[in-house]
N, C-alpha and C. Protein backbone atom coordinates (compact mmCIF):
# COMPACT_ATOMS: atom_id res chain seq x y z
N MET A 1 20.85 -11.57 41.74
CA MET A 1 19.91 -12.49 41.94
C MET A 1 18.65 -12.24 41.09
N ALA A 2 18.35 -11.06 40.65
CA ALA A 2 17.33 -10.67 39.82
C ALA A 2 17.41 -11.35 38.52
N LYS A 3 18.90 -11.53 38.05
CA LYS A 3 18.89 -12.05 36.69
C LYS A 3 18.37 -13.50 36.66
N ALA A 4 18.80 -14.17 37.73
CA ALA A 4 18.42 -15.61 37.79
C ALA A 4 17.05 -15.91 37.69
N SER A 5 16.06 -15.02 38.32
CA SER A 5 14.69 -15.32 38.47
C SER A 5 13.98 -15.01 37.02
N LYS A 6 14.78 -14.06 36.27
CA LYS A 6 14.24 -13.72 34.83
C LYS A 6 14.53 -14.89 34.01
N ALA A 7 15.71 -15.64 34.26
CA ALA A 7 16.18 -16.72 33.42
C ALA A 7 15.34 -17.91 33.63
N GLU A 8 14.90 -18.07 34.92
CA GLU A 8 13.88 -19.14 35.14
C GLU A 8 12.56 -19.03 34.52
N LYS A 9 12.01 -17.95 34.37
CA LYS A 9 10.84 -17.58 33.79
C LYS A 9 10.72 -17.69 32.18
N ALA A 10 11.98 -17.50 31.66
CA ALA A 10 12.09 -17.68 30.18
C ALA A 10 12.34 -19.12 29.79
N VAL A 11 12.21 -20.01 30.56
CA VAL A 11 12.45 -21.53 30.13
C VAL A 11 11.12 -22.01 29.48
N LYS A 12 11.25 -22.37 28.31
CA LYS A 12 10.24 -22.94 27.48
C LYS A 12 9.59 -24.08 27.86
N PRO A 13 8.44 -24.60 27.62
CA PRO A 13 8.07 -26.05 27.73
C PRO A 13 8.69 -26.91 26.67
N ASN A 14 8.54 -28.26 27.12
CA ASN A 14 9.40 -29.18 26.30
C ASN A 14 8.67 -29.11 24.68
N VAL A 15 9.24 -29.71 23.84
CA VAL A 15 8.55 -29.89 22.43
C VAL A 15 7.07 -30.48 22.47
N PHE A 16 6.95 -31.44 23.27
CA PHE A 16 5.77 -32.07 23.13
C PHE A 16 4.45 -31.33 23.91
N MET A 17 4.81 -30.60 24.86
CA MET A 17 3.89 -29.68 25.33
C MET A 17 3.63 -28.62 24.42
N ARG A 18 4.59 -28.08 23.88
CA ARG A 18 4.28 -27.02 22.70
C ARG A 18 3.49 -27.60 21.57
N ILE A 19 3.65 -28.72 21.16
CA ILE A 19 2.91 -29.38 20.09
C ILE A 19 1.33 -29.53 20.56
N GLY A 20 1.36 -30.13 21.91
CA GLY A 20 -0.14 -30.19 22.46
C GLY A 20 -0.90 -28.96 22.46
N LEU A 21 -0.08 -27.83 22.98
CA LEU A 21 -0.79 -26.48 23.04
C LEU A 21 -1.21 -26.01 21.69
N PHE A 22 -0.24 -26.41 20.55
CA PHE A 22 -0.65 -25.79 19.20
C PHE A 22 -1.80 -26.48 18.76
N ILE A 23 -1.94 -27.91 19.02
CA ILE A 23 -3.23 -28.63 18.48
C ILE A 23 -4.32 -28.22 19.46
N LYS A 24 -4.13 -27.91 20.60
CA LYS A 24 -5.55 -27.40 21.36
C LYS A 24 -5.85 -25.94 20.75
N GLN A 25 -4.89 -25.13 20.37
CA GLN A 25 -5.30 -24.03 19.86
C GLN A 25 -5.99 -24.03 18.52
N ILE A 26 -5.55 -25.01 17.73
CA ILE A 26 -6.14 -25.35 16.47
C ILE A 26 -7.67 -25.68 16.63
N ILE A 27 -7.78 -26.58 17.62
CA ILE A 27 -9.25 -27.15 17.77
C ILE A 27 -10.06 -25.95 18.40
N ASP A 28 -9.54 -25.17 19.21
CA ASP A 28 -10.29 -23.95 19.68
C ASP A 28 -10.63 -23.04 18.64
N GLU A 29 -9.72 -22.67 17.67
CA GLU A 29 -10.17 -22.01 16.48
C GLU A 29 -11.08 -22.53 15.55
N LEU A 30 -11.02 -23.92 15.40
CA LEU A 30 -11.94 -24.58 14.58
C LEU A 30 -13.39 -24.59 15.01
N ARG A 31 -13.50 -24.37 16.48
CA ARG A 31 -14.79 -24.49 16.94
C ARG A 31 -15.42 -23.04 16.70
N LYS A 32 -14.74 -22.09 16.57
CA LYS A 32 -15.27 -20.67 16.21
C LYS A 32 -15.77 -20.56 14.58
N VAL A 33 -15.34 -21.52 13.85
CA VAL A 33 -15.86 -21.52 12.52
C VAL A 33 -17.45 -21.62 12.25
N VAL A 34 -18.03 -20.80 11.54
CA VAL A 34 -19.54 -20.71 11.18
C VAL A 34 -19.51 -21.38 9.86
N THR A 35 -20.28 -22.46 9.66
CA THR A 35 -20.58 -23.13 8.23
C THR A 35 -21.56 -22.18 7.61
N PRO A 36 -21.44 -21.95 6.34
CA PRO A 36 -22.39 -21.00 5.65
C PRO A 36 -23.62 -21.95 5.31
N THR A 37 -24.72 -21.42 5.10
CA THR A 37 -25.92 -22.08 4.81
C THR A 37 -25.66 -22.33 3.30
N ALA A 38 -26.67 -23.23 2.60
CA ALA A 38 -26.59 -23.60 1.18
C ALA A 38 -26.70 -22.33 0.27
N LYS A 39 -27.76 -21.53 0.75
CA LYS A 39 -27.97 -20.23 0.14
C LYS A 39 -26.94 -19.30 0.20
N GLU A 40 -26.12 -18.97 1.40
CA GLU A 40 -25.02 -18.07 1.29
C GLU A 40 -23.87 -18.59 0.55
N LEU A 41 -23.68 -20.05 0.59
CA LEU A 41 -22.55 -20.41 -0.26
C LEU A 41 -22.79 -20.36 -1.62
N PHE A 42 -24.11 -20.46 -2.16
CA PHE A 42 -24.46 -20.18 -3.54
C PHE A 42 -24.13 -18.86 -3.90
N PHE A 43 -24.66 -17.99 -3.25
CA PHE A 43 -24.58 -16.49 -3.54
C PHE A 43 -23.04 -15.95 -3.58
N TRP A 44 -22.29 -16.40 -2.36
CA TRP A 44 -21.01 -16.21 -2.48
C TRP A 44 -20.16 -16.65 -3.54
N SER A 45 -20.59 -17.98 -4.04
CA SER A 45 -19.72 -18.62 -5.17
C SER A 45 -20.18 -17.79 -6.41
N LEU A 46 -21.44 -17.33 -6.57
CA LEU A 46 -21.84 -16.61 -7.69
C LEU A 46 -21.16 -15.30 -7.80
N GLY A 47 -20.98 -14.71 -6.56
CA GLY A 47 -20.37 -13.28 -6.71
C GLY A 47 -18.93 -13.48 -7.10
N VAL A 48 -18.10 -14.53 -6.65
CA VAL A 48 -16.85 -14.78 -6.94
C VAL A 48 -16.73 -15.15 -8.44
N PHE A 49 -17.62 -15.86 -9.01
CA PHE A 49 -17.68 -16.20 -10.60
C PHE A 49 -17.86 -14.92 -11.18
N ILE A 50 -18.71 -14.07 -10.83
CA ILE A 50 -18.98 -12.86 -11.75
C ILE A 50 -17.82 -11.99 -11.60
N PHE A 51 -17.35 -11.73 -10.40
CA PHE A 51 -16.01 -11.04 -10.26
C PHE A 51 -14.88 -11.40 -11.20
N VAL A 52 -14.67 -12.82 -11.19
CA VAL A 52 -13.52 -13.42 -12.04
C VAL A 52 -14.00 -13.18 -13.47
N VAL A 53 -15.08 -13.46 -13.87
CA VAL A 53 -15.43 -13.00 -15.32
C VAL A 53 -15.26 -11.59 -15.63
N LEU A 54 -15.59 -10.78 -14.80
CA LEU A 54 -15.38 -9.26 -15.11
C LEU A 54 -13.94 -8.91 -15.20
N LEU A 55 -13.00 -9.59 -14.11
CA LEU A 55 -11.62 -9.31 -14.36
C LEU A 55 -11.11 -9.93 -15.55
N MET A 56 -11.65 -11.15 -16.03
CA MET A 56 -11.24 -11.86 -17.36
C MET A 56 -11.47 -10.69 -18.61
N LEU A 57 -12.61 -10.24 -18.43
CA LEU A 57 -13.07 -9.22 -19.67
C LEU A 57 -12.20 -8.06 -19.56
N LEU A 58 -11.87 -7.57 -18.39
CA LEU A 58 -10.98 -6.43 -18.26
C LEU A 58 -9.53 -6.73 -18.84
N VAL A 59 -8.94 -7.70 -18.41
CA VAL A 59 -7.62 -8.06 -18.77
C VAL A 59 -7.75 -8.53 -20.38
N THR A 60 -8.73 -9.14 -20.84
CA THR A 60 -8.77 -9.43 -22.33
C THR A 60 -8.92 -8.23 -23.19
N GLY A 61 -9.81 -7.18 -22.55
CA GLY A 61 -9.74 -5.88 -23.34
C GLY A 61 -8.61 -5.16 -23.37
N MET A 62 -7.83 -5.13 -22.15
CA MET A 62 -6.53 -4.46 -22.15
C MET A 62 -5.55 -5.10 -23.08
N ASP A 63 -5.53 -6.49 -23.15
CA ASP A 63 -4.59 -7.12 -24.03
C ASP A 63 -4.78 -6.86 -25.45
N PHE A 64 -6.13 -6.90 -25.68
CA PHE A 64 -6.47 -6.69 -27.07
C PHE A 64 -6.11 -5.28 -27.54
N GLY A 65 -6.54 -4.20 -26.63
CA GLY A 65 -6.30 -2.92 -26.84
C GLY A 65 -4.88 -2.46 -27.05
N LEU A 66 -3.95 -3.04 -26.11
CA LEU A 66 -2.69 -2.67 -26.11
C LEU A 66 -1.91 -3.41 -27.24
N GLY A 67 -2.36 -4.52 -27.60
CA GLY A 67 -1.75 -5.28 -28.74
C GLY A 67 -2.05 -4.40 -30.19
N LYS A 68 -3.24 -3.87 -30.22
CA LYS A 68 -3.61 -3.06 -31.27
C LYS A 68 -2.84 -1.78 -31.33
N LEU A 69 -2.55 -1.32 -30.20
CA LEU A 69 -1.98 0.01 -30.07
C LEU A 69 -0.43 -0.24 -30.48
N VAL A 70 0.24 -1.24 -29.92
CA VAL A 70 1.67 -1.73 -30.43
C VAL A 70 1.66 -1.87 -31.79
N LEU A 71 0.72 -2.50 -32.28
CA LEU A 71 0.97 -2.83 -33.77
C LEU A 71 0.85 -1.48 -34.58
N TRP A 72 -0.26 -0.68 -34.12
CA TRP A 72 -0.35 0.81 -34.75
C TRP A 72 0.93 1.49 -34.68
N VAL A 73 1.72 1.53 -33.48
CA VAL A 73 2.88 2.23 -33.20
C VAL A 73 4.01 1.76 -34.07
N PHE A 74 4.13 0.55 -34.31
CA PHE A 74 5.40 -0.13 -34.78
C PHE A 74 5.07 -0.51 -36.28
N ASP A 75 3.93 -0.21 -36.89
CA ASP A 75 3.65 -0.53 -38.17
C ASP A 75 3.97 0.49 -39.14
């Protein structure tokens, strides 16, 4: 008898109820989102831009340096 009660508890709701629950959870999570102010958005964007530029410089320097090293080794 104990197995029968466990099987009854494991029954999933129908597909429409699961979709409804999913949409409700999405809306609940979206209500928690805090929109940044214009100043915050500007400085975060500036920080990302500077970081990307620094990474580009690093990769460019490594590419140039390793290219020169390869040419020096195999020339």
